[in-house]
Amino acid sequence: MQEEEQADTAEAGRRARFGALPERVRPQDTVEERPAIPRDPARDAYDPDEFAVRYGL
């Protein structure tokens, strides 16, 4: 009888803790978008003529 009572208590504890699923999380709420590194304007300043003068001549 005591084992059965302990089993019922344990089951009630499990149901209280795990009885319901958590609320759904939308996929839009799980992703954070931001650049990996800050944008460097000097990096985008490619000049093909300067490249040719420096390395081609």
Protein backbone atom coordinates (compact mmCIF):
# COMPACT_ATOMS: atom_id res chain seq x y z
CA MET A 1 0.00 0.00 0.00
CA GLN A 2 2.81 2.39 0.89
CA GLU A 3 4.66 1.68 -2.38
CA GLU A 4 1.50 2.40 -4.32
CA GLU A 5 1.05 5.69 -2.43
CA GLN A 6 4.67 6.68 -3.17
CA ALA A 7 4.19 5.80 -6.83
CA ASP A 8 1.08 8.00 -6.97
CA THR A 9 2.96 10.86 -5.31
CA ALA A 10 5.87 10.48 -7.72
CA GLU A 11 3.48 10.37 -10.68
CA ALA A 12 1.70 13.50 -9.47
CA GLY A 13 5.04 15.27 -9.14
CA ARG A 14 6.05 14.28 -12.67
CA ARG A 15 2.71 15.41 -14.08
CA ALA A 16 2.99 18.74 -12.28
CA ARG A 17 6.46 19.32 -13.69
CA PHE A 18 6.23 17.72 -17.15
CA GLY A 19 2.49 17.38 -17.71
CA ALA A 20 2.16 20.18 -20.28
CA LEU A 21 4.32 21.14 -23.21
CA PRO A 22 5.85 24.63 -23.20
CA GLU A 23 4.37 27.27 -25.46
CA ARG A 24 5.44 27.19 -29.10
CA VAL A 25 8.30 29.42 -30.19
CA ARG A 26 7.96 30.83 -33.68
CA PRO A 27 11.00 30.33 -35.95
CA GLN A 28 11.10 34.10 -36.54
CA ASP A 29 11.72 34.57 -32.81
CA THR A 30 14.67 32.17 -32.71
CA VAL A 31 16.94 33.91 -35.24
CA GLU A 32 18.88 37.10 -34.71
CA GLU A 33 20.37 38.65 -37.82
CA ARG A 34 23.33 40.96 -37.59
CA PRO A 35 26.57 41.26 -39.55
CA ALA A 36 29.45 39.03 -38.49
CA ILE A 37 31.89 41.93 -38.61
CA PRO A 38 31.32 45.68 -38.87
CA ARG A 39 31.29 46.97 -42.44
CA ASP A 40 34.63 48.42 -43.55
CA PRO A 41 34.24 51.01 -46.34
CA ALA A 42 37.96 50.81 -47.23
CA ARG A 43 37.54 47.14 -48.02
CA ASP A 44 34.94 47.91 -50.70
CA ALA A 45 37.06 50.62 -52.33
CA TYR A 46 38.62 48.43 -55.05
CA ASP A 47 40.18 50.38 -57.87
CA PRO A 48 41.28 48.15 -60.79
CA ASP A 49 43.59 50.82 -62.20
CA GLU A 50 45.46 51.15 -58.91
CA PHE A 51 45.74 47.37 -58.74
CA ALA A 52 47.22 47.27 -62.25
CA VAL A 53 49.74 50.00 -61.44
CA ARG A 54 50.85 48.43 -58.16
CA TYR A 55 51.11 44.80 -59.19
CA GLY A 56 51.20 44.74 -62.99
CA LEU A 57 53.92 47.17 -63.85
